[in-house]
C-alpha atoms as a PDB file:
ATOM      1  CA  MET A   1       1.108 -28.654   6.608  1.00  0.00           C
ATOM      2  CA  TYR A   2       2.391 -25.165   7.327  1.00  0.00           C
ATOM      3  CA  GLN A   3       2.347 -22.366   4.770  1.00  0.00           C
ATOM      4  CA  LEU A   4       3.989 -19.030   4.177  1.00  0.00           C
ATOM      5  CA  THR A   5       1.949 -16.882   1.794  1.00  0.00           C
ATOM      6  CA  VAL A   6       3.590 -13.782   0.337  1.00  0.00           C
ATOM      7  CA  LEU A   7       1.401 -11.134  -1.326  1.00  0.00           C
ATOM      8  CA  TYR A   8       3.440  -8.763  -3.501  1.00  0.00           C
ATOM      9  CA  ASN A   9       1.926  -5.362  -4.286  1.00  0.00           C
ATOM     10  CA  GLN A  10       1.824  -4.036  -7.837  1.00  0.00           C
ATOM     11  CA  PRO A  11       5.375  -2.966  -8.798  1.00  0.00           C
ATOM     12  CA  ALA A  12       6.255   0.152 -10.802  1.00  0.00           C
ATOM     13  CA  ASP A  13       7.917  -2.062 -13.453  1.00  0.00           C
ATOM     14  CA  PRO A  14       6.122  -5.433 -13.639  1.00  0.00           C
ATOM     15  CA  ALA A  15       8.469  -6.853 -16.301  1.00  0.00           C
ATOM     16  CA  ALA A  16      11.584  -6.088 -14.231  1.00  0.00           C
ATOM     17  CA  PHE A  17       9.900  -7.495 -11.113  1.00  0.00           C
ATOM     18  CA  ASP A  18       8.977 -10.742 -12.891  1.00  0.00           C
ATOM     19  CA  LYS A  19      12.445 -11.181 -14.389  1.00  0.00           C
ATOM     20  CA  TYR A  20      14.142 -10.713 -11.014  1.00  0.00           C
ATOM     21  CA  TYR A  21      11.610 -12.905  -9.211  1.00  0.00           C
ATOM     22  CA  ASP A  22      11.919 -15.735 -11.732  1.00  0.00           C
ATOM     23  CA  ASP A  23      15.670 -15.551 -12.368  1.00  0.00           C
ATOM     24  CA  VAL A  24      17.069 -14.611  -8.948  1.00  0.00           C
ATOM     25  CA  HIS A  25      14.554 -14.899  -6.122  1.00  0.00           C
ATOM     26  CA  THR A  26      12.938 -18.220  -7.001  1.00  0.00           C
ATOM     27  CA  PRO A  27      16.296 -20.045  -7.137  1.00  0.00           C
ATOM     28  CA  LEU A  28      17.112 -18.624  -3.675  1.00  0.00           C
ATOM     29  CA  ALA A  29      13.745 -19.623  -2.240  1.00  0.00           C
ATOM     30  CA  THR A  30      13.883 -23.179  -3.560  1.00  0.00           C
ATOM     31  CA  LYS A  31      17.075 -23.741  -1.528  1.00  0.00           C
ATOM     32  CA  ILE A  32      15.290 -23.200   1.811  1.00  0.00           C
ATOM     33  CA  PRO A  33      15.688 -26.398   3.840  1.00  0.00           C
ATOM     34  CA  GLY A  34      12.420 -28.229   4.452  1.00  0.00           C
ATOM     35  CA  LEU A  35      10.550 -26.479   1.645  1.00  0.00           C
ATOM     36  CA  GLN A  36       8.245 -29.052   0.093  1.00  0.00           C
ATOM     37  CA  ARG A  37       6.535 -26.926  -2.528  1.00  0.00           C
ATOM     38  CA  LEU A  38       6.583 -23.398  -3.909  1.00  0.00           C
ATOM     39  CA  SER A  39       3.658 -22.229  -6.002  1.00  0.00           C
ATOM     40  CA  VAL A  40       3.287 -18.851  -7.663  1.00  0.00           C
ATOM     41  CA  SER A  41       0.283 -17.132  -9.177  1.00  0.00           C
ATOM     42  CA  ARG A  42       0.013 -13.850 -11.006  1.00  0.00           C
ATOM     43  CA  PRO A  43      -3.577 -12.655 -10.604  1.00  0.00           C
ATOM     44  CA  ALA A  44      -5.372 -11.560 -13.762  1.00  0.00           C
ATOM     45  CA  PRO A  45      -7.470  -8.400 -13.992  1.00  0.00           C
ATOM     46  CA  GLY A  46     -10.963  -8.649 -12.534  1.00  0.00           C
ATOM     47  CA  PRO A  47     -14.046  -9.200 -14.701  1.00  0.00           C
ATOM     48  CA  ASP A  48     -14.366  -5.427 -15.041  1.00  0.00           C
ATOM     49  CA  GLY A  49     -10.712  -5.096 -16.124  1.00  0.00           C
ATOM     50  CA  ALA A  50      -9.604  -3.710 -12.765  1.00  0.00           C
ATOM     51  CA  THR A  51      -5.979  -4.240 -11.788  1.00  0.00           C
ATOM     52  CA  PRO A  52      -5.734  -6.844  -9.030  1.00  0.00           C
ATOM     53  CA  ALA A  53      -4.535  -5.720  -5.608  1.00  0.00           C
ATOM     54  CA  TYR A  54      -1.504  -8.011  -5.843  1.00  0.00           C
ATOM     55  CA  HIS A  55       0.935  -8.629  -8.679  1.00  0.00           C
ATOM     56  CA  LEU A  56       2.189 -11.991  -7.459  1.00  0.00           C
ATOM     57  CA  ILE A  57       1.203 -14.449  -4.752  1.00  0.00           C
ATOM     58  CA  ALA A  58       3.722 -17.043  -3.580  1.00  0.00           C
ATOM     59  CA  VAL A  59       2.852 -19.964  -1.326  1.00  0.00           C
ATOM     60  CA  LEU A  60       5.658 -21.905   0.325  1.00  0.00           C
ATOM     61  CA  GLU A  61       4.698 -25.201   1.953  1.00  0.00           C
ATOM     62  CA  PHE A  62       6.465 -26.989   4.797  1.00  0.00           C
ATOM     63  CA  ALA A  63       5.552 -30.216   6.603  1.00  0.00           C
ATOM     64  CA  SER A  64       5.220 -28.482   9.974  1.00  0.00           C
ATOM     65  CA  ALA A  65       5.652 -25.230  11.851  1.00  0.00           C
ATOM     66  CA  ALA A  66       8.955 -26.573  13.161  1.00  0.00           C
ATOM     67  CA  ASP A  67      10.198 -27.211   9.619  1.00  0.00           C
ATOM     68  CA  PHE A  68       9.063 -23.720   8.619  1.00  0.00           C
ATOM     69  CA  GLY A  69      10.922 -22.158  11.544  1.00  0.00           C
ATOM     70  CA  ALA A  70      14.075 -24.136  10.863  1.00  0.00           C
ATOM     71  CA  GLY A  71      13.968 -23.406   7.148  1.00  0.00           C
ATOM     72  CA  MET A  72      13.346 -19.694   7.480  1.00  0.00           C
ATOM     73  CA  GLY A  73      15.923 -19.456  10.255  1.00  0.00           C
ATOM     74  CA  SER A  74      18.589 -21.112   8.108  1.00  0.00           C
ATOM     75  CA  ALA A  75      21.156 -19.172   6.082  1.00  0.00           C
ATOM     76  CA  GLU A  76      19.163 -19.972   2.925  1.00  0.00           C
ATOM     77  CA  GLY A  77      15.894 -18.795   4.474  1.00  0.00           C
ATOM     78  CA  GLN A  78      17.486 -15.592   5.713  1.00  0.00           C
ATOM     79  CA  ALA A  79      19.013 -14.944   2.263  1.00  0.00           C
ATOM     80  CA  ALA A  80      15.641 -15.398   0.556  1.00  0.00           C
ATOM     81  CA  ALA A  81      13.885 -13.144   3.074  1.00  0.00           C
ATOM     82  CA  ALA A  82      16.560 -10.439   2.755  1.00  0.00           C
ATOM     83  CA  ASP A  83      16.366 -10.613  -1.053  1.00  0.00           C
ATOM     84  CA  VAL A  84      12.774  -9.302  -1.045  1.00  0.00           C
ATOM     85  CA  ALA A  85      14.196  -5.796  -0.505  1.00  0.00           C
ATOM     86  CA  ASN A  86      15.991  -6.102  -3.865  1.00  0.00           C
ATOM     87  CA  PHE A  87      12.802  -6.326  -5.933  1.00  0.00           C
ATOM     88  CA  GLY A  88       9.784  -5.795  -3.664  1.00  0.00           C
ATOM     89  CA  GLN A  89       9.978  -2.022  -3.291  1.00  0.00           C
ATOM     90  CA  ALA A  90       6.185  -1.749  -3.704  1.00  0.00           C
ATOM     91  CA  GLY A  91       5.777  -3.822  -0.551  1.00  0.00           C
ATOM     92  CA  ALA A  92       4.842  -7.357   0.356  1.00  0.00           C
ATOM     93  CA  MET A  93       2.675  -8.893   3.043  1.00  0.00           C
ATOM     94  CA  MET A  94       3.768 -12.202   4.580  1.00  0.00           C
ATOM     95  CA  LEU A  95       1.282 -14.464   6.307  1.00  0.00           C
ATOM     96  CA  SER A  96       2.036 -17.831   7.850  1.00  0.00           C
ATOM     97  CA  GLY A  97       0.038 -20.540   9.527  1.00  0.00           C
ATOM     98  CA  GLU A  98      -1.322 -24.037   9.531  1.00  0.00           C
ATOM     99  CA  ALA A  99      -3.039 -25.065   6.300  1.00  0.00           C
ATOM    100  CA  GLY A 100      -5.568 -27.783   5.690  1.00  0.00           C
ATOM    101  CA  VAL A 101      -7.950 -29.082   3.089  1.00  0.00           C
ATOM    102  CA  ILE A 102     -11.668 -28.830   3.591  1.00  0.00           C
END
């Protein structure tokens, strides 16, 4: 399995970020060819109440690196990647690589 993990920094307006992500970005991302699964988590404050470093973490799963490359290189993948600029003004880190279960 091959994964793309996207770590979104804390936005200035979390409610607006979430609405855009859920209503616009997620439908774009789910159209990426070869995408097998998309999971999203919104980290809660730490035990001491501290704001987490990231507002949202998305994990996109593909069967292989080749499927990932083809999917992200497609028109749908390029549209989803370009859309991040429309809501991710606080910044996002993208990490990709092979994933396994221990």
